[in-house]
């Protein structure tokens, strides 16, 4: 089989695709004498990535479009685009001079920044491994965890909830799935002073029972991640009754950040699997948090109860958590 027939057969029937990468690479090699650099191939892939074009469309609207139109008056909005004021008054020679000046300003800026101007896209960290990315997107059910749009409508990105530069870790509890628009707008509109985030997550209160456990009773900690930990309840209502507790001192469930919610949920899911493995009598769970005195909270550091249930542990289990109000569980 000659080269043409081999390639034709591979492209037509043998190529398995999880993305467009293989045919795009072959097209580059076929066009350019059989050779192409990785950068050239990457540029071809980028040219077909609508999510990146849409990302920079948003950048155009919020940055140069706004500055040149509203602030400087050099351009004006026209339909979906921008029009340069006075363009018809320029000669061809003048346009060439102005183009050269723009190129010169770009060159000087690039020399000054030495590539840092693209750090917002590189983010100076390792790419998220494919297996982790898969788990994050699966957990999000292929939808943006901020606006809810489907991955079929808008490309999703895996984002650090607590930024790396304030101590955020490369762990699944600190990742969220955001569409490219929400991820871009998060940087532009979030008023949080990220310099203070590290201090916020390190907040502890002297004398707080749950703030003290990781330091004073580390043997009780059965599992943990960057912002939460799990222990057995000191006064269990059923065997293996557990508590999942944020490390930060926060009064109740409603004060938790998204990173803490993700971390707590990851610990609960992990604990469920472990409890089912070590005790085959477990047939269900109650999960709950007491928020404020009226709801029965006595330790004012948020904690979530994970209570294993067994068949027959109470006479009439129907109603579950409704039994927190006597007489209201049965209906």
Protein backbone atom coordinates (compact mmCIF):
# COMPACT_ATOMS: atom_id res chain seq x y z
CA UNK A 1 0.00 0.00 0.00
CA UNK A 2 1.48 3.35 -1.07
CA UNK A 3 1.61 6.46 1.12
CA UNK A 4 -1.52 7.99 -0.39
CA UNK A 5 -3.62 4.85 0.09
CA UNK A 6 -2.29 4.35 3.64
CA UNK A 7 -3.10 7.92 4.67
CA UNK A 8 -6.47 7.82 2.93
CA UNK A 9 -7.43 4.63 4.75
CA UNK A 10 -6.21 5.94 8.10
CA UNK A 11 -8.02 9.27 7.80
CA UNK A 12 -11.23 7.75 6.42
CA UNK A 13 -11.71 4.69 8.63
CA UNK A 14 -9.00 4.15 11.25
CA UNK A 15 -8.59 7.53 12.91
CA UNK A 16 -10.20 7.59 16.37
CA UNK A 17 -10.84 11.13 17.55
CA UNK A 18 -11.43 12.67 20.95
CA UNK A 19 -10.74 16.09 19.39
CA UNK A 20 -9.74 17.69 16.06
CA UNK A 21 -6.00 17.51 16.81
CA UNK A 22 -4.97 14.65 14.48
CA UNK A 23 -6.56 15.89 11.23
CA UNK A 24 -5.41 19.46 11.91
CA UNK A 25 -1.83 18.25 12.38
CA UNK A 26 -1.95 16.17 9.20
CA UNK A 27 -3.32 19.13 7.25
CA UNK A 28 -0.38 21.29 8.37
CA UNK A 29 2.13 18.60 7.35
CA UNK A 30 0.42 18.06 4.00
CA UNK A 31 0.45 21.79 3.24
CA UNK A 32 4.03 22.52 4.34
CA UNK A 33 6.17 19.93 2.64
CA UNK A 34 5.63 17.19 5.21
CA UNK A 35 7.03 19.13 8.20
CA UNK A 36 5.56 21.49 10.76
CA UNK A 37 6.71 22.78 14.12
CA UNK A 38 4.66 22.13 17.23
CA UNK A 39 3.98 25.88 17.41
CA UNK A 40 2.66 25.95 13.84
CA UNK A 41 0.35 23.01 14.56
CA UNK A 42 -0.78 24.64 17.82
CA UNK A 43 -1.57 27.85 15.91
CA UNK A 44 -3.72 25.87 13.47
CA UNK A 45 -5.64 24.28 16.35
CA UNK A 46 -6.07 27.69 18.01
CA UNK A 47 -7.46 29.16 14.77
CA UNK A 48 -10.33 26.65 15.00
CA UNK A 49 -11.02 27.16 18.72
CA UNK A 50 -14.18 29.27 18.84
CA UNK A 51 -13.98 29.53 22.62
CA UNK A 52 -10.69 31.43 22.36
CA UNK A 53 -12.10 33.76 19.70
CA UNK A 54 -15.11 34.43 21.94
CA UNK A 55 -12.80 34.97 24.92
CA UNK A 56 -10.90 37.68 23.04
CA UNK A 57 -14.11 39.17 21.70
CA UNK A 58 -15.00 39.86 25.34
CA UNK A 59 -11.53 41.32 25.89
CA UNK A 60 -11.99 43.64 22.88
CA UNK A 61 -15.32 44.92 24.22
CA UNK A 62 -14.09 45.50 27.77
CA UNK A 63 -10.61 46.86 27.08
CA UNK A 64 -9.45 48.38 23.76
CA UNK A 65 -12.99 48.86 22.47
CA UNK A 66 -14.03 50.71 25.62
CA UNK A 67 -10.83 52.78 25.90
CA UNK A 68 -10.61 53.81 22.23
CA UNK A 69 -14.34 54.53 21.94
CA UNK A 70 -15.54 55.92 25.28
CA UNK A 71 -12.33 57.29 26.79
CA UNK A 72 -10.31 58.47 23.79
CA UNK A 73 -12.91 59.06 21.07
CA UNK A 74 -10.69 57.50 18.40
CA UNK A 75 -13.27 54.91 17.34
CA UNK A 76 -17.04 54.50 17.39
CA UNK A 77 -19.37 51.52 17.70
CA UNK A 78 -20.82 50.33 14.41
CA UNK A 79 -23.11 47.31 14.50
CA UNK A 80 -21.09 44.46 16.02
CA UNK A 81 -17.81 46.21 15.35
CA UNK A 82 -15.86 49.44 15.59
CA UNK A 83 -15.13 52.15 13.05
CA UNK A 84 -12.00 54.32 13.05
CA UNK A 85 -13.07 57.97 12.97
CA UNK A 86 -11.64 59.92 10.05
CA UNK A 87 -10.31 56.82 8.28
CA UNK A 88 -11.36 58.18 4.88
CA UNK A 89 -9.12 61.24 5.40
CA UNK A 90 -5.93 59.12 5.60
CA UNK A 91 -3.72 58.52 2.58
CA UNK A 92 -2.21 55.11 1.87
CA UNK A 93 1.21 56.43 2.92
CA UNK A 94 -0.15 57.76 6.20
CA UNK A 95 -1.78 54.43 6.97
CA UNK A 96 1.55 52.66 6.36
CA UNK A 97 3.29 55.06 8.77
CA UNK A 98 0.63 54.52 11.45
CA UNK A 99 0.80 50.74 11.03
CA UNK A 100 4.56 50.93 11.50
CA UNK A 101 4.16 52.99 14.67
CA UNK A 102 1.70 50.40 16.07
CA UNK A 103 4.17 47.60 15.30
CA UNK A 104 6.92 49.60 17.01
CA UNK A 105 4.81 50.10 20.15
CA UNK A 106 4.03 46.35 20.25
CA UNK A 107 7.72 45.49 19.85
CA UNK A 108 8.79 47.86 22.65
CA UNK A 109 6.07 46.56 24.96
CA UNK A 110 7.00 42.94 24.27
CA UNK A 111 10.65 43.69 25.00
CA UNK A 112 9.71 45.36 28.26
CA UNK A 113 7.34 42.62 29.46
CA UNK A 114 9.33 39.65 28.09
CA UNK A 115 6.23 37.50 27.69
CA UNK A 116 4.54 38.49 30.96
CA UNK A 117 1.69 40.11 29.00
CA UNK A 118 0.26 36.62 28.44
CA UNK A 119 0.61 35.41 32.03
CA UNK A 120 -3.15 35.74 32.53
CA UNK A 121 -3.55 32.88 30.04
CA UNK A 122 -0.57 30.80 31.12
CA UNK A 123 -1.32 31.36 34.82
CA UNK A 124 2.22 30.15 35.60
CA UNK A 125 1.17 26.69 36.66
CA UNK A 126 1.13 23.18 35.35
CA UNK A 127 -1.78 22.16 33.12
CA UNK A 128 -4.55 20.33 34.92
CA UNK A 129 -4.02 16.59 34.27
CA UNK A 130 -6.57 15.06 31.92
CA UNK A 131 -7.86 12.61 34.52
CA UNK A 132 -8.44 15.43 37.04
CA UNK A 133 -10.10 17.61 34.39
CA UNK A 134 -12.42 14.69 33.59
CA UNK A 135 -13.40 14.30 37.25
CA UNK A 136 -14.07 18.04 37.65
CA UNK A 137 -16.25 18.16 34.53
CA UNK A 138 -18.04 14.94 35.54
CA UNK A 139 -18.78 16.40 38.98
CA UNK A 140 -20.15 19.53 37.32
CA UNK A 141 -22.17 17.35 34.91
CA UNK A 142 -20.60 19.22 31.99
CA UNK A 143 -22.09 22.55 33.06
CA UNK A 144 -20.53 25.80 34.24
CA UNK A 145 -20.71 25.79 38.04
CA UNK A 146 -21.40 29.54 38.05
CA UNK A 147 -23.93 30.25 35.28
CA UNK A 148 -25.04 26.67 34.51
CA UNK A 149 -24.52 26.80 30.73
CA UNK A 150 -23.85 23.46 29.04
CA UNK A 151 -20.42 22.54 27.69
CA UNK A 152 -22.14 21.96 24.34
CA UNK A 153 -22.97 25.66 24.18
CA UNK A 154 -19.80 27.18 25.62
CA UNK A 155 -16.37 25.66 26.26
CA UNK A 156 -15.59 24.88 29.91
CA UNK A 157 -12.31 25.59 31.69
CA UNK A 158 -11.02 24.09 34.93
CA UNK A 159 -10.32 26.92 37.35
CA UNK A 160 -8.65 27.16 40.77
CA UNK A 161 -11.21 28.43 43.31
CA UNK A 162 -8.53 29.58 45.73
CA UNK A 163 -5.83 31.01 43.44
CA UNK A 164 -2.43 29.38 43.35
CA UNK A 165 -0.72 32.65 44.31
CA UNK A 166 -2.49 32.68 47.69
CA UNK A 167 -1.85 29.04 48.52
CA UNK A 168 -4.57 27.27 46.54
CA UNK A 169 -3.63 23.64 45.96
CA UNK A 170 -3.73 21.40 42.90
CA UNK A 171 -6.45 19.15 44.32
CA UNK A 172 -9.89 18.33 43.02
CA UNK A 173 -11.65 20.08 45.92
CA UNK A 174 -10.06 23.37 44.81
CA UNK A 175 -11.11 23.09 41.16
CA UNK A 176 -14.34 24.24 39.58
CA UNK A 177 -15.69 24.05 36.05
CA UNK A 178 -16.34 27.50 34.58
CA UNK A 179 -17.30 28.47 31.06
CA UNK A 180 -14.74 30.72 29.39
CA UNK A 181 -16.99 33.77 29.89
CA UNK A 182 -17.46 33.28 33.64
CA UNK A 183 -13.76 32.51 34.04
CA UNK A 184 -12.81 35.74 32.25
CA UNK A 185 -15.39 37.83 34.12
CA UNK A 186 -14.33 36.36 37.45
CA UNK A 187 -11.03 38.24 37.13
CA UNK A 188 -12.67 41.45 35.95
CA UNK A 189 -15.59 41.73 38.35
CA UNK A 190 -14.64 39.85 41.51
CA UNK A 191 -13.89 42.52 44.12
CA UNK A 192 -12.23 40.08 46.52
CA UNK A 193 -8.75 41.17 47.57
CA UNK A 194 -6.95 37.92 46.79
CA UNK A 195 -3.98 39.03 48.91
CA UNK A 196 -6.18 38.44 51.97
CA UNK A 197 -7.55 35.04 50.95
CA UNK A 198 -4.64 33.12 52.44
CA UNK A 199 -5.14 34.89 55.76
CA UNK A 200 -8.89 34.23 55.64
CA UNK A 201 -8.45 30.46 55.29
CA UNK A 202 -5.91 30.50 58.12
CA UNK A 203 -8.38 32.14 60.51
CA UNK A 204 -8.67 30.28 63.85
CA UNK A 205 -10.34 31.29 67.14
CA UNK A 206 -8.62 30.69 70.46
CA UNK A 207 -10.49 28.19 72.59
CA UNK A 208 -12.71 26.92 69.77
CA UNK A 209 -13.15 23.15 70.06
CA UNK A 210 -13.08 22.52 66.32
CA UNK A 211 -10.28 24.99 65.57
CA UNK A 212 -8.10 23.10 68.07
CA UNK A 213 -8.58 19.50 66.92
CA UNK A 214 -6.09 19.44 64.00
CA UNK A 215 -3.32 20.91 66.21
CA UNK A 216 -4.09 19.45 69.65
CA UNK A 217 -5.71 16.13 68.72
CA UNK A 218 -4.33 15.23 65.27
CA UNK A 219 -4.89 11.53 65.93
CA UNK A 220 -8.65 12.16 65.67
CA UNK A 221 -8.34 13.47 62.11
CA UNK A 222 -9.21 10.56 59.82
CA UNK A 223 -9.00 12.44 56.51
CA UNK A 224 -8.44 16.00 55.37
CA UNK A 225 -7.71 18.28 52.44
CA UNK A 226 -6.52 21.87 52.21
CA UNK A 227 -9.49 23.51 53.95
CA UNK A 228 -11.50 20.81 55.77
CA UNK A 229 -11.11 17.65 57.83
CA UNK A 230 -13.15 14.67 59.10
CA UNK A 231 -13.37 13.15 62.59
CA UNK A 232 -15.70 10.77 64.41
CA UNK A 233 -18.34 12.51 66.53
CA UNK A 234 -17.43 12.41 70.23
CA UNK A 235 -21.08 11.72 71.10
CA UNK A 236 -22.27 9.53 68.19
CA UNK A 237 -25.97 8.95 67.63
CA UNK A 238 -25.10 5.81 65.60
CA UNK A 239 -21.82 3.85 65.23
CA UNK A 240 -19.29 5.64 62.96
CA UNK A 241 -21.18 8.96 63.16
CA UNK A 242 -18.71 11.47 61.64
CA UNK A 243 -18.22 15.22 61.43
CA UNK A 244 -16.81 17.14 58.49
CA UNK A 245 -15.40 20.47 59.63
CA UNK A 246 -13.85 23.44 57.80
CA UNK A 247 -10.41 24.35 59.17
CA UNK A 248 -11.26 28.04 59.00
CA UNK A 249 -13.27 29.36 61.91
CA UNK A 250 -16.67 30.07 60.36
CA UNK A 251 -19.91 30.17 62.33
CA UNK A 252 -22.20 27.97 60.22
CA UNK A 253 -22.91 26.40 56.84
CA UNK A 254 -24.09 29.66 55.31
CA UNK A 255 -20.67 31.26 55.80
CA UNK A 256 -18.79 28.65 53.74
CA UNK A 257 -16.96 29.60 50.57
CA UNK A 258 -17.23 27.59 47.36
CA UNK A 259 -13.80 26.08 48.01
CA UNK A 260 -14.97 24.89 51.44
CA UNK A 261 -18.21 23.50 50.03
CA UNK A 262 -16.25 21.55 47.42
CA UNK A 263 -13.74 20.31 50.00
CA UNK A 264 -16.45 19.24 52.44
CA UNK A 265 -18.40 17.49 49.71
CA UNK A 266 -15.26 15.61 48.61
CA UNK A 267 -14.65 14.42 52.18
CA UNK A 268 -18.28 13.31 52.57
CA UNK A 269 -18.19 11.30 49.34
CA UNK A 270 -14.88 9.70 50.32
CA UNK A 271 -16.14 8.90 53.83
CA UNK A 272 -19.31 7.31 52.48
CA UNK A 273 -17.30 4.86 50.36
CA UNK A 274 -15.00 4.00 53.27
CA UNK A 275 -17.86 3.53 55.75
CA UNK A 276 -19.76 1.27 53.38
CA UNK A 277 -16.60 -0.79 52.90
CA UNK A 278 -15.94 -1.32 56.62
CA UNK A 279 -19.53 -1.80 57.80
CA UNK A 280 -21.83 -3.78 55.53
CA UNK A 281 -24.80 -3.14 57.84
CA UNK A 282 -24.98 0.53 56.78
CA UNK A 283 -28.06 1.00 54.60
CA UNK A 284 -28.31 4.78 54.38
CA UNK A 285 -27.10 8.15 55.69
CA UNK A 286 -28.39 11.37 57.17
CA UNK A 287 -26.37 14.49 56.32
CA UNK A 288 -27.09 17.73 58.13
CA UNK A 289 -25.87 20.92 59.76
CA UNK A 290 -27.30 22.88 62.68
CA UNK A 291 -27.26 26.62 62.00
CA UNK A 292 -27.74 28.87 65.04
CA UNK A 293 -29.21 28.24 68.48
CA UNK A 294 -32.81 27.93 67.30
CA UNK A 295 -31.73 25.01 65.10
CA UNK A 296 -29.84 23.31 67.94
CA UNK A 297 -26.28 24.49 67.22
CA UNK A 298 -24.12 24.38 70.37
CA UNK A 299 -20.58 24.61 68.93
CA UNK A 300 -20.44 27.75 66.84
CA UNK A 301 -17.91 26.50 64.34
CA UNK A 302 -19.57 25.02 61.27
CA UNK A 303 -19.71 21.21 61.17
CA UNK A 304 -21.65 18.80 59.01
CA UNK A 305 -22.94 15.53 60.45
CA UNK A 306 -22.59 12.34 58.43
CA UNK A 307 -24.74 9.78 60.24
CA UNK A 308 -24.76 6.15 59.05
CA UNK A 309 -28.17 4.47 59.28
CA UNK A 310 -28.98 0.78 59.60
CA UNK A 311 -32.24 -1.03 59.06
CA UNK A 312 -34.13 -1.18 62.33
CA UNK A 313 -32.02 1.41 64.18
CA UNK A 314 -35.29 3.25 64.86
CA UNK A 315 -38.80 1.90 64.75
CA UNK A 316 -40.13 4.28 62.08
CA UNK A 317 -37.37 5.93 60.01
CA UNK A 318 -39.74 7.52 57.50
CA UNK A 319 -39.39 11.30 57.56
CA UNK A 320 -35.66 11.29 58.34
CA UNK A 321 -34.47 14.79 59.21
CA UNK A 322 -38.08 15.94 59.63
CA UNK A 323 -37.93 14.32 63.08
CA UNK A 324 -35.86 17.29 64.34
CA UNK A 325 -39.29 18.76 65.12
CA UNK A 326 -41.05 16.18 67.34
CA UNK A 327 -44.17 14.81 65.76
CA UNK A 328 -43.42 16.23 62.28
CA UNK A 329 -41.52 13.25 60.90
CA UNK A 330 -44.58 11.14 60.16
CA UNK A 331 -46.78 12.22 57.27
